[in-house]
Amino acid sequence: MKKILMACMCVLLICSTAAAAEKRFAVPVGDSPSRGPKDAPVTIIEFIDFQ
């Protein structure tokens, strides 16, 4: 049972990695407020709608 579970997890990991690689967008941050170093390997952008 553990082998089947591990195999399923590996397949899901491979599929999710392939799908995530296709959806990369370059979003210009410009002078937006930010935290952390400018040369960070990852940039997380949060879009908020104030209504």
PDB file of N, CA and C in Angstrom:
ATOM      1  N   MET A   1       0.819  -1.196   0.000  1.00  0.00           N
ATOM      2  CA  MET A   1       0.000   0.000   0.000  1.00  0.00           C
ATOM      3  C   MET A   1       0.868   1.266   0.000  1.00  0.00           C
ATOM      4  N   LYS A   2       1.975   1.221   0.761  1.00  0.00           N
ATOM      5  CA  LYS A   2       2.861   2.378   0.813  1.00  0.00           C
ATOM      6  C   LYS A   2       3.525   2.637  -0.532  1.00  0.00           C
ATOM      7  N   LYS A   3       3.848   1.569  -1.255  1.00  0.00           N
ATOM      8  CA  LYS A   3       4.481   1.733  -2.571  1.00  0.00           C
ATOM      9  C   LYS A   3       3.527   2.391  -3.550  1.00  0.00           C
ATOM     10  N   ILE A   4       2.256   2.013  -3.498  1.00  0.00           N
ATOM     11  CA  ILE A   4       1.258   2.603  -4.396  1.00  0.00           C
ATOM     12  C   ILE A   4       1.073   4.080  -4.050  1.00  0.00           C
ATOM     13  N   LEU A   5       1.003   4.395  -2.772  1.00  0.00           N
ATOM     14  CA  LEU A   5       0.854   5.777  -2.334  1.00  0.00           C
ATOM     15  C   LEU A   5       2.050   6.622  -2.766  1.00  0.00           C
ATOM     16  N   MET A   6       3.257   6.099  -2.597  1.00  0.00           N
ATOM     17  CA  MET A   6       4.461   6.821  -3.013  1.00  0.00           C
ATOM     18  C   MET A   6       4.492   7.030  -4.523  1.00  0.00           C
ATOM     19  N   ALA A   7       4.072   6.028  -5.290  1.00  0.00           N
ATOM     20  CA  ALA A   7       4.039   6.147  -6.748  1.00  0.00           C
ATOM     21  C   ALA A   7       3.050   7.229  -7.164  1.00  0.00           C
ATOM     22  N   CYS A   8       1.884   7.261  -6.523  1.00  0.00           N
ATOM     23  CA  CYS A   8       0.879   8.282  -6.842  1.00  0.00           C
ATOM     24  C   CYS A   8       1.393   9.676  -6.503  1.00  0.00           C
ATOM     25  N   MET A   9       2.069   9.794  -5.373  1.00  0.00           N
ATOM     26  CA  MET A   9       2.617  11.088  -4.984  1.00  0.00           C
ATOM     27  C   MET A   9       3.682  11.557  -5.961  1.00  0.00           C
ATOM     28  N   CYS A  10       4.499  10.640  -6.436  1.00  0.00           N
ATOM     29  CA  CYS A  10       5.535  10.999  -7.414  1.00  0.00           C
ATOM     30  C   CYS A  10       4.912  11.473  -8.718  1.00  0.00           C
ATOM     31  N   VAL A  11       3.878  10.786  -9.176  1.00  0.00           N
ATOM     32  CA  VAL A  11       3.197  11.180 -10.411  1.00  0.00           C
ATOM     33  C   VAL A  11       2.575  12.558 -10.242  1.00  0.00           C
ATOM     34  N   LEU A  12       1.919  12.812  -9.109  1.00  0.00           N
ATOM     35  CA  LEU A  12       1.320  14.118  -8.861  1.00  0.00           C
ATOM     36  C   LEU A  12       2.374  15.214  -8.803  1.00  0.00           C
ATOM     37  N   LEU A  13       3.502  14.926  -8.187  1.00  0.00           N
ATOM     38  CA  LEU A  13       4.574  15.904  -8.104  1.00  0.00           C
ATOM     39  C   LEU A  13       5.116  16.254  -9.482  1.00  0.00           C
ATOM     40  N   ILE A  14       5.324  15.253 -10.306  1.00  0.00           N
ATOM     41  CA  ILE A  14       5.834  15.479 -11.658  1.00  0.00           C
ATOM     42  C   ILE A  14       4.831  16.281 -12.478  1.00  0.00           C
ATOM     43  N   CYS A  15       3.549  15.937 -12.385  1.00  0.00           N
ATOM     44  CA  CYS A  15       2.514  16.648 -13.138  1.00  0.00           C
ATOM     45  C   CYS A  15       2.385  18.097 -12.677  1.00  0.00           C
ATOM     46  N   SER A  16       2.402  18.324 -11.366  1.00  0.00           N
ATOM     47  CA  SER A  16       2.250  19.688 -10.865  1.00  0.00           C
ATOM     48  C   SER A  16       3.466  20.538 -11.211  1.00  0.00           C
ATOM     49  N   THR A  17       4.655  19.955 -11.215  1.00  0.00           N
ATOM     50  CA  THR A  17       5.861  20.689 -11.574  1.00  0.00           C
ATOM     51  C   THR A  17       5.822  21.098 -13.045  1.00  0.00           C
ATOM     52  N   ALA A  18       5.369  20.207 -13.898  1.00  0.00           N
ATOM     53  CA  ALA A  18       5.287  20.519 -15.326  1.00  0.00           C
ATOM     54  C   ALA A  18       4.255  21.610 -15.575  1.00  0.00           C
ATOM     55  N   ALA A  19       3.129  21.562 -14.892  1.00  0.00           N
ATOM     56  CA  ALA A  19       2.090  22.572 -15.075  1.00  0.00           C
ATOM     57  C   ALA A  19       2.550  23.920 -14.535  1.00  0.00           C
ATOM     58  N   ALA A  20       3.245  23.941 -13.420  1.00  0.00           N
ATOM     59  CA  ALA A  20       3.704  25.195 -12.830  1.00  0.00           C
ATOM     60  C   ALA A  20       4.758  25.864 -13.701  1.00  0.00           C
ATOM     61  N   ALA A  21       5.577  25.094 -14.376  1.00  0.00           N
ATOM     62  CA  ALA A  21       6.628  25.659 -15.217  1.00  0.00           C
ATOM     63  C   ALA A  21       6.049  26.425 -16.401  1.00  0.00           C
ATOM     64  N   GLU A  22       4.844  26.097 -16.815  1.00  0.00           N
ATOM     65  CA  GLU A  22       4.229  26.752 -17.966  1.00  0.00           C
ATOM     66  C   GLU A  22       3.596  28.088 -17.610  1.00  0.00           C
ATOM     67  N   LYS A  23       3.337  28.349 -16.342  1.00  0.00           N
ATOM     68  CA  LYS A  23       2.605  29.543 -15.948  1.00  0.00           C
ATOM     69  C   LYS A  23       3.487  30.531 -15.205  1.00  0.00           C
ATOM     70  N   ARG A  24       4.504  31.028 -15.862  1.00  0.00           N
ATOM     71  CA  ARG A  24       5.371  32.040 -15.271  1.00  0.00           C
ATOM     72  C   ARG A  24       5.120  33.355 -15.982  1.00  0.00           C
ATOM     73  N   PHE A  25       4.988  34.405 -15.197  1.00  0.00           N
ATOM     74  CA  PHE A  25       4.738  35.721 -15.754  1.00  0.00           C
ATOM     75  C   PHE A  25       5.733  36.713 -15.169  1.00  0.00           C
ATOM     76  N   ALA A  26       6.212  37.594 -15.993  1.00  0.00           N
ATOM     77  CA  ALA A  26       7.085  38.670 -15.517  1.00  0.00           C
ATOM     78  C   ALA A  26       6.200  39.869 -15.190  1.00  0.00           C
ATOM     79  N   VAL A  27       6.119  40.227 -13.935  1.00  0.00           N
ATOM     80  CA  VAL A  27       5.294  41.352 -13.491  1.00  0.00           C
ATOM     81  C   VAL A  27       6.231  42.467 -13.056  1.00  0.00           C
ATOM     82  N   PRO A  28       6.170  43.618 -13.724  1.00  0.00           N
ATOM     83  CA  PRO A  28       7.053  44.717 -13.337  1.00  0.00           C
ATOM     84  C   PRO A  28       6.644  45.285 -11.973  1.00  0.00           C
ATOM     85  N   VAL A  29       7.568  45.335 -11.034  1.00  0.00           N
ATOM     86  CA  VAL A  29       7.266  45.852  -9.704  1.00  0.00           C
ATOM     87  C   VAL A  29       7.517  47.338  -9.603  1.00  0.00           C
ATOM     88  N   GLY A  30       8.405  47.853 -10.406  1.00  0.00           N
ATOM     89  CA  GLY A  30       8.666  49.294 -10.414  1.00  0.00           C
ATOM     90  C   GLY A  30       8.993  49.841  -9.043  1.00  0.00           C
ATOM     91  N   ASP A  31       8.283  50.908  -8.636  1.00  0.00           N
ATOM     92  CA  ASP A  31       8.512  51.555  -7.340  1.00  0.00           C
ATOM     93  C   ASP A  31       7.525  51.078  -6.282  1.00  0.00           C
ATOM     94  N   SER A  32       6.921  49.914  -6.469  1.00  0.00           N
ATOM     95  CA  SER A  32       5.955  49.382  -5.505  1.00  0.00           C
ATOM     96  C   SER A  32       6.640  49.086  -4.177  1.00  0.00           C
ATOM     97  N   PRO A  33       5.891  49.197  -3.064  1.00  0.00           N
ATOM     98  CA  PRO A  33       6.478  48.873  -1.766  1.00  0.00           C
ATOM     99  C   PRO A  33       6.924  47.409  -1.736  1.00  0.00           C
ATOM    100  N   SER A  34       8.056  47.144  -1.118  1.00  0.00           N
ATOM    101  CA  SER A  34       8.559  45.767  -1.080  1.00  0.00           C
ATOM    102  C   SER A  34       9.388  45.546   0.175  1.00  0.00           C
ATOM    103  N   ARG A  35       9.656  44.261   0.441  1.00  0.00           N
ATOM    104  CA  ARG A  35      10.509  43.866   1.557  1.00  0.00           C
ATOM    105  C   ARG A  35      11.567  42.917   1.029  1.00  0.00           C
ATOM    106  N   GLY A  36      12.703  42.903   1.654  1.00  0.00           N
ATOM    107  CA  GLY A  36      13.742  41.950   1.293  1.00  0.00           C
ATOM    108  C   GLY A  36      14.704  42.481   0.264  1.00  0.00           C
ATOM    109  N   PRO A  37      15.710  41.669  -0.077  1.00  0.00           N
ATOM    110  CA  PRO A  37      16.734  42.104  -1.016  1.00  0.00           C
ATOM    111  C   PRO A  37      16.212  42.187  -2.454  1.00  0.00           C
ATOM    112  N   LYS A  38      16.769  43.094  -3.209  1.00  0.00           N
ATOM    113  CA  LYS A  38      16.362  43.268  -4.613  1.00  0.00           C
ATOM    114  C   LYS A  38      16.710  42.053  -5.465  1.00  0.00           C
ATOM    115  N   ASP A  39      17.757  41.311  -5.097  1.00  0.00           N
ATOM    116  CA  ASP A  39      18.188  40.161  -5.903  1.00  0.00           C
ATOM    117  C   ASP A  39      17.660  38.830  -5.364  1.00  0.00           C
ATOM    118  N   ALA A  40      16.520  38.846  -4.681  1.00  0.00           N
ATOM    119  CA  ALA A  40      15.935  37.618  -4.138  1.00  0.00           C
ATOM    120  C   ALA A  40      15.557  36.681  -5.282  1.00  0.00           C
ATOM    121  N   PRO A  41      15.727  35.356  -5.113  1.00  0.00           N
ATOM    122  CA  PRO A  41      15.414  34.423  -6.199  1.00  0.00           C
ATOM    123  C   PRO A  41      13.919  34.278  -6.474  1.00  0.00           C
ATOM    124  N   VAL A  42      13.069  34.699  -5.535  1.00  0.00           N
ATOM    125  CA  VAL A  42      11.621  34.577  -5.702  1.00  0.00           C
ATOM    126  C   VAL A  42      10.974  35.904  -5.340  1.00  0.00           C
ATOM    127  N   THR A  43       9.995  36.319  -6.136  1.00  0.00           N
ATOM    128  CA  THR A  43       9.212  37.503  -5.842  1.00  0.00           C
ATOM    129  C   THR A  43       7.755  37.080  -5.730  1.00  0.00           C
ATOM    130  N   ILE A  44       7.121  37.380  -4.618  1.00  0.00           N
ATOM    131  CA  ILE A  44       5.705  37.060  -4.422  1.00  0.00           C
ATOM    132  C   ILE A  44       4.932  38.361  -4.508  1.00  0.00           C
ATOM    133  N   ILE A  45       3.935  38.392  -5.387  1.00  0.00           N
ATOM    134  CA  ILE A  45       3.126  39.588  -5.583  1.00  0.00           C
ATOM    135  C   ILE A  45       1.695  39.260  -5.190  1.00  0.00           C
ATOM    136  N   GLU A  46       1.102  40.112  -4.367  1.00  0.00           N
ATOM    137  CA  GLU A  46      -0.274  39.907  -3.927  1.00  0.00           C
ATOM    138  C   GLU A  46      -1.153  40.978  -4.564  1.00  0.00           C
ATOM    139  N   PHE A  47      -2.183  40.524  -5.261  1.00  0.00           N
ATOM    140  CA  PHE A  47      -3.133  41.442  -5.875  1.00  0.00           C
ATOM    141  C   PHE A  47      -4.346  41.525  -4.967  1.00  0.00           C
ATOM    142  N   ILE A  48      -4.700  42.748  -4.563  1.00  0.00           N
ATOM    143  CA  ILE A  48      -5.817  42.946  -3.648  1.00  0.00           C
ATOM    144  C   ILE A  48      -6.804  43.922  -4.290  1.00  0.00           C
ATOM    145  N   ASP A  49      -8.081  43.608  -4.157  1.00  0.00           N
ATOM    146  CA  ASP A  49      -9.128  44.457  -4.680  1.00  0.00           C
ATOM    147  C   ASP A  49      -9.866  45.091  -3.502  1.00  0.00           C
ATOM    148  N   PHE A  50      -9.686  46.377  -3.284  1.00  0.00           N
ATOM    149  CA  PHE A  50     -10.361  47.065  -2.175  1.00  0.00           C
ATOM    150  C   PHE A  50     -11.715  47.540  -2.660  1.00  0.00           C
ATOM    151  N   GLN A  51     -12.761  46.952  -2.134  1.00  0.00           N
ATOM    152  CA  GLN A  51     -14.112  47.412  -2.495  1.00  0.00           C
ATOM    153  C   GLN A  51     -14.927  47.640  -1.267  1.00  0.00           C
TER     154      GLN A  51
END
